Amino acid sequence: MAKMPYAHFLGMKAQIESGQLLTYLPTQEKLTGNPNLPALHGGVIGSFLELTALSEGLFRTGE
């Protein structure tokens, strides 16, 4: 995650477990899109998915 400042901003976490990359996005009030629901902002979800894919690529290539 250190190579991705936006992942740090989102509070994204990653760990290796049984040879698999696991990513987490702990909930934070700043990531809420609609406080009436409350629900994560759609852009946050999309960004998390994209950053997870990038992280997987880096993990598999050893970078």
Foldseek 3Di string as FASTA:
>chain_A
DVVDVVCVVQVKDWDADPNDIDIDRDDDPVQFDDPVVGDGDPVSVVVSVVVVVVVVVCVVVVD
